[in-house]
Amino acid sequence: MTAPGAPQPIPQAATVLLLRPGTASAAGAPEVFTITRSTELAFSAGVSAFPGGRIDPADELPAALWEGTDLNAWGGLLGLEPATAGKVLAGAVRETFEETGILVARHRDGTPVGPASVNAWPEDTRIRVERHELDFGDLLTEQELLPDVTGMAPLARWVTPE
């Protein structure tokens, strides 16, 4: 336990900006997906936000799920050890799924997971992952999926001061 008044450990977190090409009426500017936080929350109630949140133990995925992903390279991009970079990436994918239903993953043959695949799962899958009743790595393994970070690029890394 940390002594009262002592600096608290800084939790790892990840946020994702989901972008898509804009329409002609928007002058081609990219569109950014945001969520509106519940007005019932104690922190930042009712604000628009990007999907994301705290990295948790469920984000330590088995090595087999990172097939085709160079965690050493990601560690260099993020300024983290490769294992920690994997947790941050997994957290980004998991949080995006929990908060939006969008699963940034691919089948083992390389094809992306589409809405039809996710919609075929039991309706409470997202809630069970969020409540830690269903381990995220187990879900990916059971569905024969891999996190797909090929379309991701680091935008910024902010570290909270002590």
Protein backbone atom coordinates (compact mmCIF):
# COMPACT_ATOMS: atom_id res chain seq x y z
CA MET A 1 0.00 0.00 0.00
CA THR A 2 1.27 3.48 -0.82
CA ALA A 3 1.82 5.81 2.14
CA PRO A 4 -0.65 8.71 2.45
CA GLY A 5 0.62 11.74 0.54
CA ALA A 6 3.13 9.65 -1.43
CA PRO A 7 2.98 9.76 -5.24
CA GLN A 8 0.57 7.16 -6.56
CA PRO A 9 1.64 4.71 -9.27
CA ILE A 10 0.61 5.95 -12.70
CA PRO A 11 -1.77 3.48 -14.36
CA GLN A 12 -1.28 2.66 -18.02
CA ALA A 13 -4.17 3.65 -20.28
CA ALA A 14 -4.91 3.79 -23.99
CA THR A 15 -7.26 5.84 -26.13
CA VAL A 16 -8.19 5.16 -29.75
CA LEU A 17 -9.18 7.63 -32.42
CA LEU A 18 -11.28 5.78 -34.99
CA LEU A 19 -11.07 7.67 -38.28
CA ARG A 20 -12.81 7.27 -41.62
CA PRO A 21 -12.66 9.32 -44.80
CA GLY A 22 -15.00 12.28 -44.72
CA THR A 23 -17.78 12.98 -47.18
CA ALA A 24 -17.59 15.47 -50.02
CA SER A 25 -19.86 17.77 -48.01
CA ALA A 26 -17.24 17.79 -45.25
CA ALA A 27 -14.56 18.84 -47.76
CA GLY A 28 -12.96 15.42 -47.44
CA ALA A 29 -11.85 16.01 -43.84
CA PRO A 30 -11.68 12.74 -41.89
CA GLU A 31 -14.52 11.93 -39.51
CA VAL A 32 -13.66 10.93 -35.95
CA PHE A 33 -15.80 8.52 -33.92
CA THR A 34 -16.64 9.71 -30.40
CA ILE A 35 -18.81 8.39 -27.61
CA THR A 36 -20.86 10.38 -25.13
CA ARG A 37 -20.16 9.33 -21.56
CA SER A 38 -23.16 8.52 -19.39
CA THR A 39 -24.50 11.40 -17.33
CA GLU A 40 -24.61 8.95 -14.40
CA LEU A 41 -20.80 8.69 -14.16
CA ALA A 42 -18.84 10.39 -11.39
CA PHE A 43 -15.97 11.34 -13.74
CA SER A 44 -16.51 13.40 -16.91
CA ALA A 45 -20.23 12.70 -17.01
CA GLY A 46 -21.92 13.59 -20.31
CA VAL A 47 -18.80 14.60 -22.19
CA SER A 48 -17.78 13.43 -25.66
CA ALA A 49 -14.76 11.16 -25.54
CA PHE A 50 -12.73 8.72 -27.58
CA PRO A 51 -12.96 5.01 -26.74
CA GLY A 52 -10.32 3.89 -24.28
CA GLY A 53 -9.42 3.44 -20.69
CA ARG A 54 -7.21 1.80 -18.14
CA ILE A 55 -5.06 -1.19 -18.98
CA ASP A 56 -6.01 -4.16 -16.81
CA PRO A 57 -4.82 -7.73 -16.18
CA ALA A 58 -7.03 -9.05 -19.02
CA ASP A 59 -4.76 -7.18 -21.43
CA GLU A 60 -1.84 -9.55 -20.90
CA LEU A 61 -2.61 -11.72 -23.91
CA PRO A 62 -0.96 -15.05 -24.71
CA ALA A 63 1.97 -14.71 -27.12
CA ALA A 64 0.11 -16.76 -29.75
CA LEU A 65 -2.44 -13.94 -30.13
CA TRP A 66 0.33 -11.58 -31.27
CA GLU A 67 1.21 -13.75 -34.29
CA GLY A 68 2.28 -11.38 -37.07
CA THR A 69 2.65 -8.37 -34.75
CA ASP A 70 6.12 -7.06 -33.92
CA LEU A 71 5.83 -6.05 -30.26
CA ASN A 72 9.52 -5.04 -30.26
CA ALA A 73 8.78 -2.44 -32.95
CA TRP A 74 5.66 -1.27 -31.10
CA GLY A 75 7.69 -1.01 -27.90
CA GLY A 76 10.12 1.29 -29.73
CA LEU A 77 7.27 3.41 -31.11
CA LEU A 78 5.61 3.75 -27.71
CA GLY A 79 8.76 3.99 -25.61
CA LEU A 80 7.76 0.86 -23.69
CA GLU A 81 9.10 -2.63 -23.13
CA PRO A 82 7.60 -5.01 -25.73
CA ALA A 83 5.43 -6.84 -23.17
CA THR A 84 4.04 -3.54 -21.87
CA ALA A 85 3.45 -2.34 -25.43
CA GLY A 86 1.42 -5.53 -26.00
CA LYS A 87 -0.71 -4.79 -22.92
CA VAL A 88 -1.33 -1.22 -24.08
CA LEU A 89 -2.31 -2.38 -27.58
CA ALA A 90 -4.56 -5.12 -26.17
CA GLY A 91 -6.13 -2.56 -23.84
CA ALA A 92 -6.82 -0.25 -26.76
CA VAL A 93 -8.51 -3.08 -28.70
CA ARG A 94 -10.43 -4.35 -25.65
CA GLU A 95 -11.63 -0.92 -24.52
CA THR A 96 -12.76 -0.05 -28.05
CA PHE A 97 -14.76 -3.29 -28.19
CA GLU A 98 -16.28 -2.80 -24.72
CA GLU A 99 -17.30 0.80 -25.36
CA THR A 100 -18.37 0.69 -29.01
CA GLY A 101 -18.84 -2.92 -30.11
CA ILE A 102 -16.14 -2.39 -32.75
CA LEU A 103 -13.60 -5.19 -32.52
CA VAL A 104 -10.29 -4.27 -34.11
CA ALA A 105 -9.27 -7.85 -34.87
CA ARG A 106 -8.67 -10.21 -37.74
CA HIS A 107 -9.26 -13.85 -38.49
CA ARG A 108 -6.17 -16.02 -38.70
CA ASP A 109 -6.38 -15.86 -42.52
CA GLY A 110 -5.93 -12.07 -42.28
CA THR A 111 -9.49 -10.99 -43.05
CA PRO A 112 -10.86 -8.33 -40.70
CA VAL A 113 -13.62 -9.11 -38.24
CA GLY A 114 -16.83 -7.52 -39.43
CA PRO A 115 -20.01 -6.62 -37.63
CA ALA A 116 -21.72 -9.83 -38.76
CA SER A 117 -19.19 -11.94 -36.84
CA VAL A 118 -19.54 -9.91 -33.65
CA ASN A 119 -23.35 -9.74 -33.96
CA ALA A 120 -23.49 -13.54 -34.10
CA TRP A 121 -22.11 -13.79 -30.55
CA PRO A 122 -24.36 -13.82 -27.48
CA GLU A 123 -25.81 -10.38 -26.89
CA ASP A 124 -24.06 -9.97 -23.52
CA THR A 125 -20.53 -10.71 -24.77
CA ARG A 126 -19.32 -7.11 -24.51
CA ILE A 127 -20.78 -6.72 -21.02
CA ARG A 128 -19.22 -9.99 -19.87
CA VAL A 129 -15.80 -8.85 -21.13
CA GLU A 130 -16.22 -5.48 -19.41
CA ARG A 131 -17.23 -7.15 -16.12
CA HIS A 132 -14.28 -9.57 -16.38
CA GLU A 133 -16.69 -12.50 -16.51
CA LEU A 134 -15.22 -13.42 -19.92
CA ASP A 135 -11.48 -13.03 -20.38
CA PHE A 136 -10.67 -10.98 -23.48
CA GLY A 137 -7.82 -13.30 -24.51
CA ASP A 138 -10.10 -16.32 -24.11
CA LEU A 139 -12.73 -14.65 -26.31
CA LEU A 140 -10.16 -14.00 -29.04
CA THR A 141 -8.78 -17.54 -28.75
CA GLU A 142 -12.22 -19.18 -28.82
CA GLN A 143 -13.22 -17.17 -31.90
CA GLU A 144 -9.82 -17.83 -33.54
CA LEU A 145 -9.11 -14.09 -33.78
CA LEU A 146 -6.02 -11.93 -33.39
CA PRO A 147 -5.87 -8.26 -32.40
CA ASP A 148 -5.32 -6.28 -35.60
CA VAL A 149 -3.08 -3.29 -34.92
CA THR A 150 -1.85 -2.99 -38.52
CA GLY A 151 -4.07 0.03 -39.09
CA MET A 152 -3.00 1.72 -35.87
CA ALA A 153 -0.35 4.37 -35.49
CA PRO A 154 0.76 6.09 -32.32
CA LEU A 155 -0.36 9.71 -32.22
CA ALA A 156 0.93 10.82 -28.84
CA ARG A 157 2.04 9.44 -25.51
CA TRP A 158 1.31 11.50 -22.45
CA VAL A 159 2.68 10.57 -19.07
CA THR A 160 0.96 11.98 -16.01
CA PRO A 161 3.41 13.71 -13.69
CA GLU A 162 3.69 12.29 -10.15
